[in-house]
């Protein structure tokens, strides 16, 4: 059913990946130019991939096991993006000119949190279905 709580969590992940990175800056370089996801092609592709995986997981509401697997893949994708941002932030601090990290670097963290919450809700639904089948 589409009206489950994990659908809300996955919808939030979809919004985090498709809308927010293009409004919140990821970092600022030494000249004061703000870098957004639209400035880096592959970062925007990874954010779009994360939102597409969230939409696919929403559409897999009839098959909870596949939904769980797609969410795990999305978590791995967001961990990869988070690792890149951590690597990038460690390289930014070594510059001679001070550069700032933007709030957009936290988007993968929030996405991972909501994906874990969605996986918990999926697991809870799967356990409920298994317990009802045991009574038959």
N, C-alpha and C. Protein backbone atom coordinates (compact mmCIF):
# COMPACT_ATOMS: atom_id res chain seq x y z
N UNK A 1 0.84 -1.18 0.00
CA UNK A 1 0.00 0.00 0.00
C UNK A 1 0.88 1.25 0.00
N UNK A 2 0.43 2.22 -0.71
CA UNK A 2 1.24 3.44 -0.84
C UNK A 2 1.14 4.32 0.40
N UNK A 3 0.14 4.17 1.23
CA UNK A 3 -0.05 5.06 2.36
C UNK A 3 0.75 4.65 3.60
N UNK A 4 1.77 3.84 3.45
CA UNK A 4 2.59 3.44 4.59
C UNK A 4 3.62 4.50 4.92
N UNK A 5 4.18 4.42 6.13
CA UNK A 5 5.11 5.44 6.61
C UNK A 5 6.42 5.43 5.82
N UNK A 6 6.84 4.25 5.32
CA UNK A 6 8.09 4.23 4.57
C UNK A 6 7.97 5.00 3.25
N UNK A 7 6.75 5.12 2.74
CA UNK A 7 6.55 5.93 1.54
C UNK A 7 6.83 7.40 1.83
N UNK A 8 6.44 7.85 3.02
CA UNK A 8 6.72 9.24 3.41
C UNK A 8 8.23 9.44 3.53
N UNK A 9 8.91 8.50 4.16
CA UNK A 9 10.37 8.60 4.30
C UNK A 9 11.05 8.61 2.94
N UNK A 10 10.61 7.74 2.05
CA UNK A 10 11.21 7.68 0.72
C UNK A 10 10.89 8.93 -0.10
N UNK A 11 9.72 9.51 0.11
CA UNK A 11 9.38 10.76 -0.57
C UNK A 11 10.29 11.89 -0.09
N UNK A 12 10.60 11.90 1.21
CA UNK A 12 11.53 12.91 1.74
C UNK A 12 12.92 12.72 1.12
N UNK A 13 13.36 11.47 0.99
CA UNK A 13 14.66 11.20 0.35
C UNK A 13 14.66 11.67 -1.10
N UNK A 14 13.54 11.45 -1.77
CA UNK A 14 13.43 11.89 -3.16
C UNK A 14 13.53 13.41 -3.25
N UNK A 15 12.87 14.11 -2.35
CA UNK A 15 12.96 15.58 -2.33
C UNK A 15 14.36 16.05 -1.97
N UNK A 16 14.99 15.37 -1.01
CA UNK A 16 16.36 15.73 -0.61
C UNK A 16 17.33 15.58 -1.78
N UNK A 17 17.14 14.55 -2.59
CA UNK A 17 18.06 14.31 -3.69
C UNK A 17 17.76 15.09 -4.95
N UNK A 18 16.50 15.45 -5.16
CA UNK A 18 16.14 16.09 -6.42
C UNK A 18 16.05 17.61 -6.33
N UNK A 19 15.75 18.14 -5.17
CA UNK A 19 15.50 19.58 -5.08
C UNK A 19 16.55 20.31 -4.27
N UNK A 20 16.84 19.83 -3.08
CA UNK A 20 17.67 20.57 -2.13
C UNK A 20 19.11 20.81 -2.58
N UNK A 21 19.79 19.87 -3.24
CA UNK A 21 21.19 20.14 -3.62
C UNK A 21 21.36 21.29 -4.61
N UNK A 22 20.29 21.67 -5.28
CA UNK A 22 20.38 22.74 -6.27
C UNK A 22 20.04 24.10 -5.67
N UNK A 23 19.61 24.12 -4.40
CA UNK A 23 19.36 25.37 -3.69
C UNK A 23 20.40 25.63 -2.62
N UNK A 24 20.87 24.58 -1.95
CA UNK A 24 21.85 24.72 -0.88
C UNK A 24 23.25 24.54 -1.47
N UNK A 25 24.15 25.43 -1.10
CA UNK A 25 25.50 25.32 -1.66
C UNK A 25 26.26 24.18 -0.99
N UNK A 26 27.11 23.54 -1.77
CA UNK A 26 27.90 22.42 -1.25
C UNK A 26 29.16 22.93 -0.57
N UNK A 27 29.85 23.87 -1.21
CA UNK A 27 31.02 24.49 -0.62
C UNK A 27 31.29 25.80 -1.35
N UNK A 28 32.16 26.60 -0.78
CA UNK A 28 32.59 27.85 -1.41
C UNK A 28 34.08 27.75 -1.67
N UNK A 29 34.49 28.20 -2.83
CA UNK A 29 35.93 28.15 -3.12
C UNK A 29 36.62 29.40 -2.59
N UNK A 30 37.90 29.51 -2.85
CA UNK A 30 38.70 30.61 -2.30
C UNK A 30 38.28 31.98 -2.78
N UNK A 31 37.72 32.08 -3.98
CA UNK A 31 37.28 33.38 -4.49
C UNK A 31 35.92 33.78 -3.96
N UNK A 32 35.27 32.93 -3.21
CA UNK A 32 33.95 33.24 -2.68
C UNK A 32 32.82 32.75 -3.55
N UNK A 33 33.13 32.02 -4.61
CA UNK A 33 32.09 31.46 -5.47
C UNK A 33 31.48 30.24 -4.80
N UNK A 34 30.16 30.22 -4.75
CA UNK A 34 29.47 29.07 -4.16
C UNK A 34 29.32 27.98 -5.21
N UNK A 35 29.63 26.76 -4.83
CA UNK A 35 29.52 25.61 -5.72
C UNK A 35 28.24 24.86 -5.36
N UNK A 36 27.36 24.72 -6.33
CA UNK A 36 26.12 23.97 -6.17
C UNK A 36 26.25 22.65 -6.92
N UNK A 37 25.26 21.79 -6.77
CA UNK A 37 25.30 20.50 -7.46
C UNK A 37 25.19 20.68 -8.97
N UNK A 38 24.53 21.73 -9.40
CA UNK A 38 24.40 21.94 -10.85
C UNK A 38 25.72 22.34 -11.50
N UNK A 39 26.68 22.79 -10.71
CA UNK A 39 28.00 23.16 -11.24
C UNK A 39 28.87 21.93 -11.50
N UNK A 40 28.66 20.87 -10.77
CA UNK A 40 29.41 19.62 -10.93
C UNK A 40 28.45 18.58 -11.52
N UNK A 41 28.72 18.13 -12.73
CA UNK A 41 27.79 17.26 -13.46
C UNK A 41 27.62 15.92 -12.75
N UNK A 42 28.72 15.30 -12.37
CA UNK A 42 28.59 13.95 -11.81
C UNK A 42 27.96 13.97 -10.42
N UNK A 43 28.15 15.05 -9.66
CA UNK A 43 27.48 15.15 -8.36
C UNK A 43 25.98 15.27 -8.56
N UNK A 44 25.56 16.06 -9.54
CA UNK A 44 24.12 16.17 -9.80
C UNK A 44 23.55 14.84 -10.29
N UNK A 45 24.32 14.08 -11.08
CA UNK A 45 23.87 12.76 -11.52
C UNK A 45 23.70 11.80 -10.35
N UNK A 46 24.61 11.86 -9.39
CA UNK A 46 24.50 10.99 -8.22
C UNK A 46 23.28 11.37 -7.38
N UNK A 47 23.04 12.67 -7.22
CA UNK A 47 21.84 13.11 -6.49
C UNK A 47 20.57 12.67 -7.22
N UNK A 48 20.54 12.83 -8.55
CA UNK A 48 19.39 12.38 -9.32
C UNK A 48 19.23 10.86 -9.24
N UNK A 49 20.34 10.13 -9.25
CA UNK A 49 20.27 8.67 -9.11
C UNK A 49 19.68 8.26 -7.78
N UNK A 50 20.04 8.98 -6.73
CA UNK A 50 19.47 8.71 -5.41
C UNK A 50 17.97 8.94 -5.40
N UNK A 51 17.51 10.04 -6.03
CA UNK A 51 16.06 10.28 -6.06
C UNK A 51 15.33 9.28 -6.93
N UNK A 52 15.96 8.85 -8.02
CA UNK A 52 15.32 7.84 -8.87
C UNK A 52 15.20 6.52 -8.12
N UNK A 53 16.23 6.15 -7.38
CA UNK A 53 16.15 4.92 -6.58
C UNK A 53 15.05 5.03 -5.51
N UNK A 54 14.86 6.20 -4.95
CA UNK A 54 13.79 6.38 -3.97
C UNK A 54 12.41 6.23 -4.62
N UNK A 55 12.25 6.77 -5.83
CA UNK A 55 10.98 6.62 -6.54
C UNK A 55 10.74 5.16 -6.91
N UNK A 56 11.79 4.47 -7.34
CA UNK A 56 11.66 3.04 -7.67
C UNK A 56 11.26 2.25 -6.42
N UNK A 57 11.84 2.60 -5.28
CA UNK A 57 11.48 1.91 -4.03
C UNK A 57 10.03 2.20 -3.65
N UNK A 58 9.56 3.40 -3.90
CA UNK A 58 8.14 3.71 -3.62
C UNK A 58 7.24 2.85 -4.51
N UNK A 59 7.62 2.69 -5.77
CA UNK A 59 6.80 1.92 -6.70
C UNK A 59 6.87 0.41 -6.45
N UNK A 60 7.85 -0.04 -5.68
CA UNK A 60 7.96 -1.46 -5.35
C UNK A 60 7.22 -1.81 -4.05
N UNK A 61 6.14 -1.11 -3.76
CA UNK A 61 5.46 -1.31 -2.48
C UNK A 61 4.84 -2.69 -2.35
N UNK A 62 4.60 -3.39 -3.46
CA UNK A 62 4.02 -4.73 -3.38
C UNK A 62 5.07 -5.79 -3.04
N UNK A 63 6.32 -5.52 -3.35
CA UNK A 63 7.40 -6.47 -3.09
C UNK A 63 8.36 -5.85 -2.08
N UNK A 64 8.12 -6.14 -0.80
CA UNK A 64 8.89 -5.51 0.27
C UNK A 64 10.35 -5.91 0.27
N UNK A 65 10.67 -7.12 -0.14
CA UNK A 65 12.07 -7.56 -0.16
C UNK A 65 12.87 -6.78 -1.19
N UNK A 66 12.31 -6.59 -2.37
CA UNK A 66 13.00 -5.79 -3.39
C UNK A 66 13.10 -4.33 -2.98
N UNK A 67 12.08 -3.84 -2.30
CA UNK A 67 12.09 -2.47 -1.80
C UNK A 67 13.22 -2.28 -0.80
N UNK A 68 13.42 -3.28 0.05
CA UNK A 68 14.49 -3.26 1.04
C UNK A 68 15.86 -3.23 0.35
N UNK A 69 16.02 -4.04 -0.70
CA UNK A 69 17.29 -4.11 -1.43
C UNK A 69 17.57 -2.79 -2.16
N UNK A 70 16.57 -2.20 -2.77
CA UNK A 70 16.76 -0.92 -3.46
C UNK A 70 17.15 0.16 -2.47
N UNK A 71 16.57 0.13 -1.28
CA UNK A 71 16.95 1.10 -0.25
C UNK A 71 18.39 0.90 0.19
N UNK A 72 18.82 -0.34 0.29
CA UNK A 72 20.23 -0.61 0.64
C UNK A 72 21.16 -0.06 -0.43
N UNK A 73 20.81 -0.24 -1.70
CA UNK A 73 21.62 0.32 -2.79
C UNK A 73 21.67 1.84 -2.71
N UNK A 74 20.55 2.44 -2.34
CA UNK A 74 20.50 3.89 -2.20
C UNK A 74 21.37 4.35 -1.02
N UNK A 75 21.39 3.58 0.04
CA UNK A 75 22.26 3.90 1.18
C UNK A 75 23.72 3.85 0.76
N UNK A 76 24.09 2.83 -0.01
CA UNK A 76 25.48 2.71 -0.49
C UNK A 76 25.83 3.89 -1.40
N UNK A 77 24.91 4.29 -2.26
CA UNK A 77 25.15 5.44 -3.13
C UNK A 77 25.35 6.72 -2.32
N UNK A 78 24.53 6.91 -1.30
CA UNK A 78 24.67 8.10 -0.46
C UNK A 78 25.94 8.04 0.39
N UNK A 79 26.36 6.86 0.81
CA UNK A 79 27.62 6.73 1.53
C UNK A 79 28.80 7.09 0.63
N UNK A 80 28.73 6.69 -0.63
CA UNK A 80 29.76 7.07 -1.60
C UNK A 80 29.82 8.59 -1.75
N UNK A 81 28.66 9.22 -1.86
CA UNK A 81 28.60 10.67 -2.00
C UNK A 81 29.10 11.36 -0.74
N UNK A 82 28.75 10.83 0.40
CA UNK A 82 29.22 11.39 1.67
C UNK A 82 30.73 11.25 1.79
N UNK A 83 31.27 10.11 1.37
CA UNK A 83 32.71 9.92 1.38
C UNK A 83 33.42 10.92 0.49
N UNK A 84 32.85 11.19 -0.68
CA UNK A 84 33.45 12.21 -1.55
C UNK A 84 33.42 13.57 -0.89
N UNK A 85 32.31 13.91 -0.23
CA UNK A 85 32.22 15.22 0.42
C UNK A 85 33.20 15.34 1.57
N UNK A 86 33.39 14.25 2.31
CA UNK A 86 34.38 14.28 3.39
C UNK A 86 35.78 14.46 2.82
N UNK A 87 36.09 13.73 1.77
CA UNK A 87 37.39 13.87 1.10
C UNK A 87 37.57 15.30 0.59
N UNK A 88 36.53 15.82 -0.02
CA UNK A 88 36.60 17.18 -0.56
C UNK A 88 36.77 18.21 0.55
N UNK A 89 36.08 18.02 1.67
CA UNK A 89 36.19 18.99 2.76
C UNK A 89 37.57 18.92 3.43
N UNK A 90 38.17 17.75 3.46
CA UNK A 90 39.52 17.65 4.01
C UNK A 90 40.53 18.32 3.09
N UNK A 91 40.29 18.28 1.79
CA UNK A 91 41.17 18.96 0.86
C UNK A 91 40.96 20.46 0.84
N UNK A 92 39.74 20.91 1.13
CA UNK A 92 39.47 22.34 1.13
C UNK A 92 40.19 23.07 2.25
N UNK A 93 40.33 22.42 3.40
CA UNK A 93 40.91 23.12 4.54
C UNK A 93 42.42 23.33 4.39
N UNK A 94 43.06 22.64 3.46
CA UNK A 94 44.49 22.78 3.29
C UNK A 94 44.89 23.89 2.32
N UNK A 95 43.93 24.64 1.83
CA UNK A 95 44.24 25.69 0.88
C UNK A 95 44.85 26.89 1.59
N UNK A 96 45.54 27.71 0.82
CA UNK A 96 46.10 28.93 1.40
C UNK A 96 45.02 29.97 1.66
N UNK A 97 44.01 29.98 0.80
CA UNK A 97 42.88 30.89 0.99
C UNK A 97 41.77 30.11 1.70
N UNK A 98 41.14 30.73 2.66
CA UNK A 98 40.12 30.03 3.45
C UNK A 98 38.89 29.77 2.58
N UNK A 99 38.42 28.55 2.59
CA UNK A 99 37.19 28.21 1.90
C UNK A 99 36.22 27.62 2.91
N UNK A 100 34.94 27.68 2.59
CA UNK A 100 33.93 27.26 3.54
C UNK A 100 33.15 26.07 3.00
N UNK A 101 32.76 25.23 3.93
CA UNK A 101 31.91 24.11 3.59
C UNK A 101 30.46 24.57 3.65
N UNK A 102 29.63 24.10 2.73
CA UNK A 102 28.23 24.50 2.71
C UNK A 102 27.36 23.49 3.41
N UNK A 103 26.13 23.88 3.62
CA UNK A 103 25.16 23.01 4.29
C UNK A 103 24.75 21.85 3.39
N UNK A 104 24.97 21.98 2.09
CA UNK A 104 24.60 20.92 1.15
C UNK A 104 25.39 19.64 1.34
N UNK A 105 26.52 19.71 2.04
CA UNK A 105 27.30 18.51 2.29
C UNK A 105 26.60 17.56 3.27
N UNK A 106 25.60 18.04 3.98
CA UNK A 106 24.88 17.20 4.95
C UNK A 106 23.68 16.48 4.34
N UNK A 107 23.37 16.75 3.09
CA UNK A 107 22.21 16.13 2.45
C UNK A 107 22.32 14.61 2.42
N UNK A 108 23.49 14.00 2.08
CA UNK A 108 23.57 12.54 2.13
C UNK A 108 23.35 11.97 3.54
N UNK A 109 23.74 12.69 4.57
CA UNK A 109 23.54 12.21 5.94
C UNK A 109 22.04 12.11 6.23
N UNK A 110 21.30 13.16 5.89
CA UNK A 110 19.85 13.14 6.12
C UNK A 110 19.18 12.07 5.27
N UNK A 111 19.65 11.89 4.04
CA UNK A 111 19.09 10.84 3.18
C UNK A 111 19.31 9.46 3.78
N UNK A 112 20.51 9.22 4.31
CA UNK A 112 20.81 7.92 4.92
C UNK A 112 19.92 7.68 6.13
N UNK A 113 19.70 8.71 6.94
CA UNK A 113 18.84 8.56 8.12
C UNK A 113 17.42 8.18 7.69
N UNK A 114 16.87 8.87 6.70
CA UNK A 114 15.51 8.56 6.26
C UNK A 114 15.43 7.20 5.57
N UNK A 115 16.49 6.79 4.88
CA UNK A 115 16.49 5.46 4.26
C UNK A 115 16.55 4.35 5.32
N UNK A 116 17.29 4.58 6.39
CA UNK A 116 17.34 3.59 7.47
C UNK A 116 15.97 3.51 8.15
N UNK A 117 15.32 4.65 8.36
CA UNK A 117 13.97 4.64 8.93
C UNK A 117 12.99 3.91 8.02
N UNK A 118 13.11 4.10 6.72
CA UNK A 118 12.25 3.39 5.77
C UNK A 118 12.51 1.90 5.81
N UNK A 119 13.78 1.50 5.90
CA UNK A 119 14.08 0.07 5.98
C UNK A 119 13.55 -0.54 7.25
N UNK A 120 13.59 0.19 8.35
CA UNK A 120 13.00 -0.32 9.60
C UNK A 120 11.50 -0.54 9.46
N UNK A 121 10.83 0.40 8.82
CA UNK A 121 9.38 0.26 8.63
C UNK A 121 9.06 -0.89 7.68
N UNK A 122 9.87 -1.09 6.65
CA UNK A 122 9.67 -2.21 5.74
C UNK A 122 9.86 -3.53 6.47
N UNK A 123 10.91 -3.60 7.29
CA UNK A 123 11.17 -4.81 8.07
C UNK A 123 10.02 -5.08 9.04
N UNK A 124 9.50 -4.03 9.64
CA UNK A 124 8.37 -4.18 10.56
C UNK A 124 7.14 -4.73 9.83
N UNK A 125 6.86 -4.22 8.63
CA UNK A 125 5.74 -4.74 7.84
C UNK A 125 5.96 -6.19 7.45
N UNK A 126 7.18 -6.52 7.07
CA UNK A 126 7.48 -7.91 6.68
C UNK A 126 7.31 -8.85 7.86
N UNK A 127 7.74 -8.44 9.04
CA UNK A 127 7.57 -9.26 10.24
C UNK A 127 6.09 -9.42 10.58
N UNK A 128 5.30 -8.37 10.39
CA UNK A 128 3.87 -8.44 10.65
C UNK A 128 3.18 -9.42 9.71
N UNK A 129 3.55 -9.41 8.44
CA UNK A 129 2.98 -10.34 7.47
C UNK A 129 3.37 -11.77 7.80
N UNK A 130 4.63 -11.98 8.22
CA UNK A 130 5.07 -13.33 8.57
C UNK A 130 4.34 -13.83 9.81
N UNK A 131 4.07 -12.97 10.78
CA UNK A 131 3.38 -13.40 11.99
C UNK A 131 1.92 -13.74 11.69
N UNK A 132 1.30 -13.04 10.77
CA UNK A 132 -0.09 -13.34 10.39
C UNK A 132 -0.13 -14.66 9.62
N UNK A 133 0.86 -14.92 8.78
CA UNK A 133 0.90 -16.18 8.03
C UNK A 133 1.13 -17.35 8.97
N UNK A 134 1.79 -17.15 10.07
CA UNK A 134 2.02 -18.22 11.02
C UNK A 134 0.73 -18.67 11.69
N UNK A 135 -0.24 -17.79 11.81
CA UNK A 135 -1.50 -18.12 12.47
C UNK A 135 -2.42 -18.94 11.58
N UNK A 136 -2.18 -18.97 10.30
CA UNK A 136 -3.07 -19.71 9.39
C UNK A 136 -2.85 -21.17 9.46
